[in-house]
Every structure is written in structure tokens, then in C-alpha cells.
Amino acid sequence: MNISKTFNISNMNELKWDKTLEAEADKLAKSCKYKQHNDNYRVYIFGMYLQDPTRHLVDQGNFVEAVNLVNKLGFPFCNLVEMVVPKQEKIACFNAPHCNTHPNTKVNEICLLGP
């Protein structure tokens, strides 16, 4: 899926694999402590979530409200918003099926997206 075209976001950067985020991702994969965003990255969870509460907002182009919802919840969960943040430039991912801790989510992979 080409997210910038699908959601008409013209100022998105191409994501490049980042070794620093990769090292952080390796640590998080071992500990399963990926529960918070921080100043260096946002957490994106690939998996099967029963319902993405941001999807209808993103589909409608209401990105501000979708971001506010993600920030209000304050913890990473499967949602489309993290993939449509236009200023992210770096990415690193890790497999995490052993990190399933939420009853409504089946975590497959976790990515860190950074500015």
C-alpha cells in the first residue's frame, strides 16, 4: 500500500532502515517492553486488532482527531495513525509474537518509527 497516495499526504518521507532504532528494537524484542512512545520514536504494532478506533477518522481525512485519540490513550496499539505521520524518516522492526499481552491484539511485528 502506498500510504501517501492512498490518503493524499504529499509531504511524507520515504522510510529508511535505521541502525540506531534497530539496536533499540532488539532490546525491546527481548524484553517485550514496547509499551511507550518516546522522543526518539513512535511504536507501530503490526498485528490483528479487533478494531482500530482511528481507522474511520483516517479514512475521513480527520488526521488531527485521529492523532489526538492516539495520544489520549497514551500507549501503543494497532492503529493506522502511526503509518500516516508525514515527518517520520527512520524505521526498524522486530518480530514479536512472544509479546502478546493484550487480550484483543495478536502482535506479529513491532516497528519503531522515528524522526
PDB file of N, CA and C in Angstrom:
ATOM      1  N   MET A   1       0.844  -1.174   0.000  1.00  0.00           N
ATOM      2  CA  MET A   1       0.000   0.000   0.000  1.00  0.00           C
ATOM      3  C   MET A   1       0.890   1.238   0.000  1.00  0.00           C
ATOM      4  N   ASN A   2       0.618   2.152  -0.902  1.00  0.00           N
ATOM      5  CA  ASN A   2       1.314   3.426  -0.918  1.00  0.00           C
ATOM      6  C   ASN A   2       0.488   4.399  -0.092  1.00  0.00           C
ATOM      7  N   ILE A   3       0.877   4.563   1.148  1.00  0.00           N
ATOM      8  CA  ILE A   3       0.069   5.337   2.097  1.00  0.00           C
ATOM      9  C   ILE A   3      -0.047   6.799   1.693  1.00  0.00           C
ATOM     10  N   SER A   4       1.038   7.391   1.184  1.00  0.00           N
ATOM     11  CA  SER A   4       0.979   8.809   0.823  1.00  0.00           C
ATOM     12  C   SER A   4      -0.044   9.047  -0.292  1.00  0.00           C
ATOM     13  N   LYS A   5      -0.157   8.125  -1.240  1.00  0.00           N
ATOM     14  CA  LYS A   5      -1.153   8.273  -2.313  1.00  0.00           C
ATOM     15  C   LYS A   5      -2.550   7.911  -1.831  1.00  0.00           C
ATOM     16  N   THR A   6      -2.658   6.832  -1.072  1.00  0.00           N
ATOM     17  CA  THR A   6      -3.966   6.387  -0.600  1.00  0.00           C
ATOM     18  C   THR A   6      -4.664   7.471   0.210  1.00  0.00           C
ATOM     19  N   PHE A   7      -3.908   8.146   1.084  1.00  0.00           N
ATOM     20  CA  PHE A   7      -4.500   9.150   1.967  1.00  0.00           C
ATOM     21  C   PHE A   7      -4.154  10.580   1.556  1.00  0.00           C
ATOM     22  N   ASN A   8      -3.575  10.736   0.347  1.00  0.00           N
ATOM     23  CA  ASN A   8      -3.268  12.047  -0.213  1.00  0.00           C
ATOM     24  C   ASN A   8      -2.433  12.908   0.741  1.00  0.00           C
ATOM     25  N   ILE A   9      -1.302  12.341   1.178  1.00  0.00           N
ATOM     26  CA  ILE A   9      -0.383  13.046   2.077  1.00  0.00           C
ATOM     27  C   ILE A   9       0.888  13.325   1.273  1.00  0.00           C
ATOM     28  N   SER A  10       1.038  14.565   0.832  1.00  0.00           N
ATOM     29  CA  SER A  10       2.104  14.892  -0.116  1.00  0.00           C
ATOM     30  C   SER A  10       3.477  15.077   0.530  1.00  0.00           C
ATOM     31  N   ASN A  11       3.543  15.331   1.817  1.00  0.00           N
ATOM     32  CA  ASN A  11       4.829  15.640   2.439  1.00  0.00           C
ATOM     33  C   ASN A  11       5.414  14.482   3.240  1.00  0.00           C
ATOM     34  N   MET A  12       5.074  13.244   2.887  1.00  0.00           N
ATOM     35  CA  MET A  12       5.631  12.087   3.589  1.00  0.00           C
ATOM     36  C   MET A  12       7.052  11.821   3.100  1.00  0.00           C
ATOM     37  N   ASN A  13       7.894  11.370   3.999  1.00  0.00           N
ATOM     38  CA  ASN A  13       9.257  10.982   3.654  1.00  0.00           C
ATOM     39  C   ASN A  13       9.312   9.486   3.410  1.00  0.00           C
ATOM     40  N   GLU A  14      10.257   9.074   2.588  1.00  0.00           N
ATOM     41  CA  GLU A  14      10.489   7.647   2.424  1.00  0.00           C
ATOM     42  C   GLU A  14      11.197   7.142   3.677  1.00  0.00           C
ATOM     43  N   LEU A  15      10.708   6.050   4.241  1.00  0.00           N
ATOM     44  CA  LEU A  15      11.324   5.496   5.449  1.00  0.00           C
ATOM     45  C   LEU A  15      12.582   4.729   5.091  1.00  0.00           C
ATOM     46  N   LYS A  16      13.623   4.945   5.873  1.00  0.00           N
ATOM     47  CA  LYS A  16      14.896   4.246   5.679  1.00  0.00           C
ATOM     48  C   LYS A  16      15.228   3.474   6.948  1.00  0.00           C
ATOM     49  N   TRP A  17      15.760   2.270   6.761  1.00  0.00           N
ATOM     50  CA  TRP A  17      16.152   1.435   7.899  1.00  0.00           C
ATOM     51  C   TRP A  17      17.217   2.159   8.701  1.00  0.00           C
ATOM     52  N   ASP A  18      17.072   2.154  10.018  1.00  0.00           N
ATOM     53  CA  ASP A  18      17.983   2.888  10.879  1.00  0.00           C
ATOM     54  C   ASP A  18      18.637   1.944  11.882  1.00  0.00           C
ATOM     55  N   LYS A  19      19.959   1.924  11.892  1.00  0.00           N
ATOM     56  CA  LYS A  19      20.704   1.018  12.779  1.00  0.00           C
ATOM     57  C   LYS A  19      20.512   1.357  14.256  1.00  0.00           C
ATOM     58  N   THR A  20      20.380   2.633  14.588  1.00  0.00           N
ATOM     59  CA  THR A  20      20.164   3.019  15.984  1.00  0.00           C
ATOM     60  C   THR A  20      18.810   2.518  16.464  1.00  0.00           C
ATOM     61  N   LEU A  21      17.783   2.704  15.642  1.00  0.00           N
ATOM     62  CA  LEU A  21      16.469   2.181  16.009  1.00  0.00           C
ATOM     63  C   LEU A  21      16.476   0.656  16.027  1.00  0.00           C
ATOM     64  N   GLU A  22      17.262   0.051  15.150  1.00  0.00           N
ATOM     65  CA  GLU A  22      17.366  -1.406  15.128  1.00  0.00           C
ATOM     66  C   GLU A  22      17.927  -1.927  16.458  1.00  0.00           C
ATOM     67  N   ALA A  23      18.943  -1.269  16.984  1.00  0.00           N
ATOM     68  CA  ALA A  23      19.519  -1.675  18.272  1.00  0.00           C
ATOM     69  C   ALA A  23      18.481  -1.535  19.390  1.00  0.00           C
ATOM     70  N   GLU A  24      17.714  -0.450  19.361  1.00  0.00           N
ATOM     71  CA  GLU A  24      16.656  -0.261  20.357  1.00  0.00           C
ATOM     72  C   GLU A  24      15.571  -1.324  20.179  1.00  0.00           C
ATOM     73  N   ALA A  25      15.234  -1.620  18.950  1.00  0.00           N
ATOM     74  CA  ALA A  25      14.216  -2.643  18.668  1.00  0.00           C
ATOM     75  C   ALA A  25      14.666  -4.009  19.177  1.00  0.00           C
ATOM     76  N   ASP A  26      15.934  -4.324  19.016  1.00  0.00           N
ATOM     77  CA  ASP A  26      16.454  -5.599  19.520  1.00  0.00           C
ATOM     78  C   ASP A  26      16.280  -5.702  21.035  1.00  0.00           C
ATOM     79  N   LYS A  27      16.571  -4.595  21.733  1.00  0.00           N
ATOM     80  CA  LYS A  27      16.390  -4.593  23.196  1.00  0.00           C
ATOM     81  C   LYS A  27      14.919  -4.782  23.567  1.00  0.00           C
ATOM     82  N   LEU A  28      14.056  -4.083  22.846  1.00  0.00           N
ATOM     83  CA  LEU A  28      12.630  -4.177  23.138  1.00  0.00           C
ATOM     84  C   LEU A  28      12.083  -5.568  22.826  1.00  0.00           C
ATOM     85  N   ALA A  29      12.600  -6.191  21.781  1.00  0.00           N
ATOM     86  CA  ALA A  29      12.141  -7.532  21.405  1.00  0.00           C
ATOM     87  C   ALA A  29      12.463  -8.540  22.498  1.00  0.00           C
ATOM     88  N   LYS A  30      13.597  -8.393  23.116  1.00  0.00           N
ATOM     89  CA  LYS A  30      13.999  -9.326  24.172  1.00  0.00           C
ATOM     90  C   LYS A  30      13.185  -9.118  25.447  1.00  0.00           C
ATOM     91  N   SER A  31      12.814  -7.883  25.719  1.00  0.00           N
ATOM     92  CA  SER A  31      12.129  -7.581  26.971  1.00  0.00           C
ATOM     93  C   SER A  31      10.608  -7.452  26.824  1.00  0.00           C
ATOM     94  N   CYS A  32      10.133  -7.288  25.581  1.00  0.00           N
ATOM     95  CA  CYS A  32       8.705  -7.020  25.311  1.00  0.00           C
ATOM     96  C   CYS A  32       8.243  -5.726  25.979  1.00  0.00           C
ATOM     97  N   LYS A  33       9.166  -4.806  26.231  1.00  0.00           N
ATOM     98  CA  LYS A  33       8.812  -3.525  26.855  1.00  0.00           C
ATOM     99  C   LYS A  33       8.727  -2.446  25.777  1.00  0.00           C
ATOM    100  N   TYR A  34       7.696  -2.533  24.962  1.00  0.00           N
ATOM    101  CA  TYR A  34       7.499  -1.593  23.869  1.00  0.00           C
ATOM    102  C   TYR A  34       6.273  -0.732  24.121  1.00  0.00           C
ATOM    103  N   LYS A  35       5.907  -0.567  25.358  1.00  0.00           N
ATOM    104  CA  LYS A  35       4.612  -0.012  25.719  1.00  0.00           C
ATOM    105  C   LYS A  35       4.501   1.509  25.640  1.00  0.00           C
ATOM    106  N   GLN A  36       5.588   2.218  25.332  1.00  0.00           N
ATOM    107  CA  GLN A  36       5.501   3.668  25.313  1.00  0.00           C
ATOM    108  C   GLN A  36       6.229   4.256  24.123  1.00  0.00           C
ATOM    109  N   HIS A  37       5.641   5.334  23.597  1.00  0.00           N
ATOM    110  CA  HIS A  37       6.334   6.157  22.615  1.00  0.00           C
ATOM    111  C   HIS A  37       7.347   6.994  23.394  1.00  0.00           C
ATOM    112  N   ASN A  38       8.358   7.522  22.712  1.00  0.00           N
ATOM    113  CA  ASN A  38       9.248   8.463  23.388  1.00  0.00           C
ATOM    114  C   ASN A  38       9.703   9.519  22.393  1.00  0.00           C
ATOM    115  N   ASP A  39      10.639  10.356  22.782  1.00  0.00           N
ATOM    116  CA  ASP A  39      11.075  11.449  21.916  1.00  0.00           C
ATOM    117  C   ASP A  39      11.808  10.967  20.667  1.00  0.00           C
ATOM    118  N   ASN A  40      12.370   9.755  20.702  1.00  0.00           N
ATOM    119  CA  ASN A  40      13.153   9.248  19.575  1.00  0.00           C
ATOM    120  C   ASN A  40      12.349   8.411  18.593  1.00  0.00           C
ATOM    121  N   TYR A  41      11.214   7.884  19.021  1.00  0.00           N
ATOM    122  CA  TYR A  41      10.430   7.049  18.110  1.00  0.00           C
ATOM    123  C   TYR A  41       8.989   6.912  18.583  1.00  0.00           C
ATOM    124  N   ARG A  42       8.150   6.529  17.637  1.00  0.00           N
ATOM    125  CA  ARG A  42       6.780   6.115  17.897  1.00  0.00           C
ATOM    126  C   ARG A  42       6.740   4.609  17.674  1.00  0.00           C
ATOM    127  N   VAL A  43       5.847   3.928  18.335  1.00  0.00           N
ATOM    128  CA  VAL A  43       5.738   2.472  18.223  1.00  0.00           C
ATOM    129  C   VAL A  43       4.544   2.139  17.323  1.00  0.00           C
ATOM    130  N   TYR A  44       4.802   1.314  16.317  1.00  0.00           N
ATOM    131  CA  TYR A  44       3.723   0.837  15.447  1.00  0.00           C
ATOM    132  C   TYR A  44       3.636  -0.675  15.594  1.00  0.00           C
ATOM    133  N   ILE A  45       2.460  -1.171  15.897  1.00  0.00           N
ATOM    134  CA  ILE A  45       2.275  -2.603  16.104  1.00  0.00           C
ATOM    135  C   ILE A  45       1.552  -3.189  14.905  1.00  0.00           C
ATOM    136  N   PHE A  46       2.227  -4.116  14.220  1.00  0.00           N
ATOM    137  CA  PHE A  46       1.565  -4.876  13.164  1.00  0.00           C
ATOM    138  C   PHE A  46       0.930  -6.075  13.834  1.00  0.00           C
ATOM    139  N   GLY A  47      -0.325  -6.256  13.600  1.00  0.00           N
ATOM    140  CA  GLY A  47      -0.990  -7.394  14.203  1.00  0.00           C
ATOM    141  C   GLY A  47      -2.453  -7.369  13.854  1.00  0.00           C
ATOM    142  N   MET A  48      -3.181  -8.126  14.580  1.00  0.00           N
ATOM    143  CA  MET A  48      -4.610  -8.206  14.348  1.00  0.00           C
ATOM    144  C   MET A  48      -5.306  -7.615  15.559  1.00  0.00           C
ATOM    145  N   TYR A  49      -5.865  -6.447  15.384  1.00  0.00           N
ATOM    146  CA  TYR A  49      -6.582  -5.777  16.460  1.00  0.00           C
ATOM    147  C   TYR A  49      -8.065  -5.881  16.141  1.00  0.00           C
ATOM    148  N   LEU A  50      -8.861  -6.168  17.099  1.00  0.00           N
ATOM    149  CA  LEU A  50     -10.282  -6.355  16.830  1.00  0.00           C
ATOM    150  C   LEU A  50     -10.908  -5.120  16.183  1.00  0.00           C
ATOM    151  N   GLN A  51     -10.460  -3.953  16.587  1.00  0.00           N
ATOM    152  CA  GLN A  51     -10.979  -2.737  15.980  1.00  0.00           C
ATOM    153  C   GLN A  51      -9.958  -1.626  16.160  1.00  0.00           C
ATOM    154  N   ASP A  52      -9.650  -0.938  15.054  1.00  0.00           N
ATOM    155  CA  ASP A  52      -8.766   0.217  15.108  1.00  0.00           C
ATOM    156  C   ASP A  52      -9.649   1.446  15.289  1.00  0.00           C
ATOM    157  N   PRO A  53      -9.647   2.065  16.471  1.00  0.00           N
ATOM    158  CA  PRO A  53     -10.533   3.205  16.711  1.00  0.00           C
ATOM    159  C   PRO A  53     -10.170   4.443  15.894  1.00  0.00           C
ATOM    160  N   THR A  54      -9.014   4.421  15.228  1.00  0.00           N
ATOM    161  CA  THR A  54      -8.623   5.580  14.417  1.00  0.00           C
ATOM    162  C   THR A  54      -8.969   5.412  12.942  1.00  0.00           C
ATOM    163  N   ARG A  55      -9.271   4.208  12.503  1.00  0.00           N
ATOM    164  CA  ARG A  55      -9.418   3.931  11.070  1.00  0.00           C
ATOM    165  C   ARG A  55     -10.472   4.826  10.409  1.00  0.00           C
ATOM    166  N   HIS A  56     -11.643   4.936  11.007  1.00  0.00           N
ATOM    167  CA  HIS A  56     -12.698   5.750  10.378  1.00  0.00           C
ATOM    168  C   HIS A  56     -12.277   7.226  10.303  1.00  0.00           C
ATOM    169  N   LEU A  57     -11.530   7.699  11.294  1.00  0.00           N
ATOM    170  CA  LEU A  57     -11.065   9.089  11.274  1.00  0.00           C
ATOM    171  C   LEU A  57     -10.049   9.312  10.161  1.00  0.00           C
ATOM    172  N   VAL A  58      -9.119   8.376  10.002  1.00  0.00           N
ATOM    173  CA  VAL A  58      -8.116   8.481   8.935  1.00  0.00           C
ATOM    174  C   VAL A  58      -8.797   8.382   7.573  1.00  0.00           C
ATOM    175  N   ASP A  59      -9.728   7.444   7.426  1.00  0.00           N
ATOM    176  CA  ASP A  59     -10.452   7.293   6.159  1.00  0.00           C
ATOM    177  C   ASP A  59     -11.186   8.579   5.773  1.00  0.00           C
ATOM    178  N   GLN A  60     -11.651   9.330   6.774  1.00  0.00           N
ATOM    179  CA  GLN A  60     -12.357  10.588   6.527  1.00  0.00           C
ATOM    180  C   GLN A  60     -11.394  11.769   6.356  1.00  0.00           C
ATOM    181  N   GLY A  61     -10.094  11.524   6.538  1.00  0.00           N
ATOM    182  CA  GLY A  61      -9.118  12.602   6.438  1.00  0.00           C
ATOM    183  C   GLY A  61      -9.040  13.453   7.686  1.00  0.00           C
ATOM    184  N   ASN A  62      -9.593  12.985   8.774  1.00  0.00           N
ATOM    185  CA  ASN A  62      -9.588  13.734  10.032  1.00  0.00           C
ATOM    186  C   ASN A  62      -8.377  13.304  10.864  1.00  0.00           C
ATOM    187  N   PHE A  63      -7.201  13.683  10.370  1.00  0.00           N
ATOM    188  CA  PHE A  63      -5.952  13.241  10.976  1.00  0.00           C
ATOM    189  C   PHE A  63      -5.714  13.850  12.350  1.00  0.00           C
ATOM    190  N   VAL A  64      -6.104  15.093  12.533  1.00  0.00           N
ATOM    191  CA  VAL A  64      -5.880  15.755  13.819  1.00  0.00           C
ATOM    192  C   VAL A  64      -6.629  15.015  14.928  1.00  0.00           C
ATOM    193  N   GLU A  65      -7.888  14.696  14.685  1.00  0.00           N
ATOM    194  CA  GLU A  65      -8.666  13.989  15.699  1.00  0.00           C
ATOM    195  C   GLU A  65      -8.106  12.586  15.930  1.00  0.00           C
ATOM    196  N   ALA A  66      -7.646  11.929  14.859  1.00  0.00           N
ATOM    197  CA  ALA A  66      -7.068  10.589  14.994  1.00  0.00           C
ATOM    198  C   ALA A  66      -5.801  10.631  15.841  1.00  0.00           C
ATOM    199  N   VAL A  67      -4.940  11.600  15.587  1.00  0.00           N
ATOM    200  CA  VAL A  67      -3.708  11.739  16.379  1.00  0.00           C
ATOM    201  C   VAL A  67      -4.047  12.058  17.822  1.00  0.00           C
ATOM    202  N   ASN A  68      -5.011  12.932  18.040  1.00  0.00           N
ATOM    203  CA  ASN A  68      -5.419  13.261  19.410  1.00  0.00           C
ATOM    204  C   ASN A  68      -5.910  12.022  20.146  1.00  0.00           C
ATOM    205  N   LEU A  69      -6.641  11.148  19.449  1.00  0.00           N
ATOM    206  CA  LEU A  69      -7.127   9.917  20.068  1.00  0.00           C
ATOM    207  C   LEU A  69      -5.972   9.005  20.464  1.00  0.00           C
ATOM    208  N   VAL A  70      -5.004   8.843  19.562  1.00  0.00           N
ATOM    209  CA  VAL A  70      -3.830   8.001  19.869  1.00  0.00           C
ATOM    210  C   VAL A  70      -3.073   8.563  21.062  1.00  0.00           C
ATOM    211  N   ASN A  71      -2.840   9.859  21.057  1.00  0.00           N
ATOM    212  CA  ASN A  71      -2.102  10.482  22.165  1.00  0.00           C
ATOM    213  C   ASN A  71      -2.883  10.433  23.471  1.00  0.00           C
ATOM    214  N   LYS A  72      -4.195  10.538  23.394  1.00  0.00           N
ATOM    215  CA  LYS A  72      -5.026  10.485  24.596  1.00  0.00           C
ATOM    216  C   LYS A  72      -4.938   9.112  25.256  1.00  0.00           C
ATOM    217  N   LEU A  73      -4.931   8.046  24.441  1.00  0.00           N
ATOM    218  CA  LEU A  73      -4.840   6.704  25.011  1.00  0.00           C
ATOM    219  C   LEU A  73      -3.484   6.476  25.667  1.00  0.00           C
ATOM    220  N   GLY A  74      -2.420   7.071  25.097  1.00  0.00           N
ATOM    221  CA  GLY A  74      -1.123   7.104  25.756  1.00  0.00           C
ATOM    222  C   GLY A  74      -0.293   5.829  25.724  1.00  0.00           C
ATOM    223  N   PHE A  75      -0.734   4.809  25.002  1.00  0.00           N
ATOM    224  CA  PHE A  75       0.058   3.592  24.889  1.00  0.00           C
ATOM    225  C   PHE A  75      -0.050   3.080  23.455  1.00  0.00           C
ATOM    226  N   PRO A  76       0.963   2.397  22.967  1.00  0.00           N
ATOM    227  CA  PRO A  76       0.913   1.880  21.595  1.00  0.00           C
ATOM    228  C   PRO A  76      -0.156   0.794  21.436  1.00  0.00           C
ATOM    229  N   PHE A  77      -0.846   0.853  20.326  1.00  0.00           N
ATOM    230  CA  PHE A  77      -1.810  -0.182  19.954  1.00  0.00           C
ATOM    231  C   PHE A  77      -1.878  -0.217  18.428  1.00  0.00           C
ATOM    232  N   CYS A  78      -2.446  -1.257  17.875  1.00  0.00           N
ATOM    233  CA  CYS A  78      -2.561  -1.368  16.420  1.00  0.00           C
ATOM    234  C   CYS A  78      -3.453  -0.246  15.910  1.00  0.00           C
ATOM    235  N   ASN A  79      -2.867   0.654  15.128  1.00  0.00           N
ATOM    236  CA  ASN A  79      -3.653   1.748  14.557  1.00  0.00           C
ATOM    237  C   ASN A  79      -2.974   2.269  13.310  1.00  0.00           C
ATOM    238  N   LEU A  80      -3.764   2.862  12.458  1.00  0.00           N
ATOM    239  CA  LEU A  80      -3.258   3.365  11.183  1.00  0.00           C
ATOM    240  C   LEU A  80      -2.524   4.691  11.321  1.00  0.00           C
ATOM    241  N   VAL A  81      -2.787   5.432  12.363  1.00  0.00           N
ATOM    242  CA  VAL A  81      -2.225   6.778  12.507  1.00  0.00           C
ATOM    243  C   VAL A  81      -0.701   6.783  12.440  1.00  0.00           C
ATOM    244  N   GLU A  82      -0.057   5.839  13.108  1.00  0.00           N
ATOM    245  CA  GLU A  82       1.412   5.840  13.141  1.00  0.00           C
ATOM    246  C   GLU A  82       2.005   5.745  11.738  1.00  0.00           C
ATOM    247  N   MET A  83       1.283   5.122  10.811  1.00  0.00           N
ATOM    248  CA  MET A  83       1.800   4.971   9.449  1.00  0.00           C
ATOM    249  C   MET A  83       1.552   6.192   8.575  1.00  0.00           C
ATOM    250  N   VAL A  84       0.738   7.137   9.015  1.00  0.00           N
ATOM    251  CA  VAL A  84       0.453   8.305   8.184  1.00  0.00           C
ATOM    252  C   VAL A  84       1.074   9.590   8.728  1.00  0.00           C
ATOM    253  N   VAL A  85       1.952   9.474   9.713  1.00  0.00           N
ATOM    254  CA  VAL A  85       2.665  10.653  10.226  1.00  0.00           C
ATOM    255  C   VAL A  85       3.707  11.040   9.177  1.00  0.00           C
ATOM    256  N   PRO A  86       3.564  12.200   8.547  1.00  0.00           N
ATOM    257  CA  PRO A  86       4.392  12.509   7.384  1.00  0.00           C
ATOM    258  C   PRO A  86       5.868  12.786   7.655  1.00  0.00           C
ATOM    259  N   LYS A  87       6.246  13.163   8.826  1.00  0.00           N
ATOM    260  CA  LYS A  87       7.632  13.586   9.072  1.00  0.00           C
ATOM    261  C   LYS A  87       8.555  12.469   9.537  1.00  0.00           C
ATOM    262  N   GLN A  88       8.052  11.272   9.680  1.00  0.00           N
ATOM    263  CA  GLN A  88       8.924  10.162  10.077  1.00  0.00           C
ATOM    264  C   GLN A  88       9.884   9.847   8.936  1.00  0.00           C
ATOM    265  N   GLU A  89      11.125   9.522   9.281  1.00  0.00           N
ATOM    266  CA  GLU A  89      12.144   9.229   8.263  1.00  0.00           C
ATOM    267  C   GLU A  89      12.823   7.889   8.476  1.00  0.00           C
ATOM    268  N   LYS A  90      12.781   7.366   9.707  1.00  0.00           N
ATOM    269  CA  LYS A  90      13.539   6.158  10.051  1.00  0.00           C
ATOM    270  C   LYS A  90      12.596   5.054  10.515  1.00  0.00           C
ATOM    271  N   ILE A  91      13.032   3.810  10.305  1.00  0.00           N
ATOM    272  CA  ILE A  91      12.237   2.680  10.744  1.00  0.00           C
ATOM    273  C   ILE A  91      13.146   1.518  11.122  1.00  0.00           C
ATOM    274  N   ALA A  92      12.701   0.724  12.065  1.00  0.00           N
ATOM    275  CA  ALA A  92      13.327  -0.559  12.418  1.00  0.00           C
ATOM    276  C   ALA A  92      12.222  -1.420  13.020  1.00  0.00           C
ATOM    277  N   CYS A  93      12.243  -2.704  12.718  1.00  0.00           N
ATOM    278  CA  CYS A  93      11.170  -3.599  13.154  1.00  0.00           C
ATOM    279  C   CYS A  93      11.737  -4.855  13.785  1.00  0.00           C
ATOM    280  N   PHE A  94      10.887  -5.539  14.553  1.00  0.00           N
ATOM    281  CA  PHE A  94      11.276  -6.827  15.096  1.00  0.00           C
ATOM    282  C   PHE A  94      10.054  -7.720  15.196  1.00  0.00           C
ATOM    283  N   ASN A  95      10.277  -9.012  15.054  1.00  0.00           N
ATOM    284  CA  ASN A  95       9.201  -9.987  15.229  1.00  0.00           C
ATOM    285  C   ASN A  95       8.885 -10.087  16.708  1.00  0.00           C
ATOM    286  N   ALA A  96       7.594 -10.167  17.019  1.00  0.00           N
ATOM    287  CA  ALA A  96       7.221 -10.145  18.431  1.00  0.00           C
ATOM    288  C   ALA A  96       6.015 -11.002  18.771  1.00  0.00           C
ATOM    289  N   PRO A  97       5.853 -12.176  18.178  1.00  0.00           N
ATOM    290  CA  PRO A  97       4.675 -12.973  18.550  1.00  0.00           C
ATOM    291  C   PRO A  97       4.698 -13.394  20.020  1.00  0.00           C
ATOM    292  N   HIS A  98       5.882 -13.406  20.631  1.00  0.00           N
ATOM    293  CA  HIS A  98       6.005 -13.765  22.047  1.00  0.00           C
ATOM    294  C   HIS A  98       5.600 -12.617  22.969  1.00  0.00           C
ATOM    295  N   CYS A  99       5.308 -11.447  22.415  1.00  0.00           N
ATOM    296  CA  CYS A  99       4.985 -10.267  23.216  1.00  0.00           C
ATOM    297  C   CYS A  99       3.486  -9.995  23.302  1.00  0.00           C
ATOM    298  N   ASN A 100       2.669 -10.956  23.043  1.00  0.00           N
ATOM    299  CA  ASN A 100       1.221 -10.743  23.118  1.00  0.00           C
ATOM    300  C   ASN A 100       0.791 -10.589  24.567  1.00  0.00           C
ATOM    301  N   THR A 101       0.363  -9.386  24.913  1.00  0.00           N
ATOM    302  CA  THR A 101      -0.047  -9.138  26.292  1.00  0.00           C
ATOM    303  C   THR A 101      -1.440  -8.538  26.390  1.00  0.00           C
ATOM    304  N   HIS A 102      -2.023  -8.153  25.287  1.00  0.00           N
ATOM    305  CA  HIS A 102      -3.346  -7.537  25.303  1.00  0.00           C
ATOM    306  C   HIS A 102      -4.351  -8.541  24.758  1.00  0.00           C
ATOM    307  N   PRO A 103      -5.454  -8.759  25.445  1.00  0.00           N
ATOM    308  CA  PRO A 103      -6.394  -9.807  25.026  1.00  0.00           C
ATOM    309  C   PRO A 103      -7.036  -9.576  23.668  1.00  0.00           C
ATOM    310  N   ASN A 104      -7.099  -8.323  23.195  1.00  0.00           N
ATOM    311  CA  ASN A 104      -7.736  -8.033  21.908  1.00  0.00           C
ATOM    312  C   ASN A 104      -6.742  -7.904  20.765  1.00  0.00           C
ATOM    313  N   THR A 105      -5.477  -8.160  21.016  1.00  0.00           N
ATOM    314  CA  THR A 105      -4.470  -7.950  19.995  1.00  0.00           C
ATOM    315  C   THR A 105      -3.605  -9.193  19.834  1.00  0.00           C
ATOM    316  N   LYS A 106      -3.355  -9.537  18.580  1.00  0.00           N
ATOM    317  CA  LYS A 106      -2.375 -10.572  18.285  1.00  0.00           C
ATOM    318  C   LYS A 106      -1.199  -9.860  17.623  1.00  0.00           C
ATOM    319  N   VAL A 107      -0.138  -9.672  18.350  1.00  0.00           N
ATOM    320  CA  VAL A 107       1.022  -8.941  17.864  1.00  0.00           C
ATOM    321  C   VAL A 107       1.860  -9.854  16.981  1.00  0.00           C
ATOM    322  N   ASN A 108       2.196  -9.368  15.784  1.00  0.00           N
ATOM    323  CA  ASN A 108       3.071 -10.122  14.893  1.00  0.00           C
ATOM    324  C   ASN A 108       4.438  -9.464  14.793  1.00  0.00           C
ATOM    325  N   GLU A 109       4.446  -8.174  14.622  1.00  0.00           N
ATOM    326  CA  GLU A 109       5.697  -7.460  14.457  1.00  0.00           C
ATOM    327  C   GLU A 109       5.505  -6.048  15.015  1.00  0.00           C
ATOM    328  N   ILE A 110       6.594  -5.505  15.536  1.00  0.00           N
ATOM    329  CA  ILE A 110       6.553  -4.156  16.082  1.00  0.00           C
ATOM    330  C   ILE A 110       7.616  -3.328  15.373  1.00  0.00           C
ATOM    331  N   CYS A 111       7.240  -2.127  14.968  1.00  0.00           N
ATOM    332  CA  CYS A 111       8.195  -1.229  14.310  1.00  0.00           C
ATOM    333  C   CYS A 111       8.342   0.046  15.113  1.00  0.00           C
ATOM    334  N   LEU A 112       9.531   0.576  15.104  1.00  0.00           N
ATOM    335  CA  LEU A 112       9.807   1.882  15.675  1.00  0.00           C
ATOM    336  C   LEU A 112       9.968   2.845  14.510  1.00  0.00           C
ATOM    337  N   LEU A 113       9.245   3.945  14.549  1.00  0.00           N
ATOM    338  CA  LEU A 113       9.293   4.966  13.508  1.00  0.00           C
ATOM    339  C   LEU A 113       9.825   6.254  14.112  1.00  0.00           C
ATOM    340  N   GLY A 114      10.863   6.790  13.518  1.00  0.00           N
ATOM    341  CA  GLY A 114      11.471   7.967  14.125  1.00  0.00           C
ATOM    342  C   GLY A 114      11.674   9.139  13.185  1.00  0.00           C
ATOM    343  N   PRO A 115      11.783  10.290  13.802  1.00  0.00           N
ATOM    344  CA  PRO A 115      12.028  11.500  13.039  1.00  0.00           C
ATOM    345  C   PRO A 115      13.460  11.568  12.545  1.00  0.00           C
TER     346      PRO A 115
END
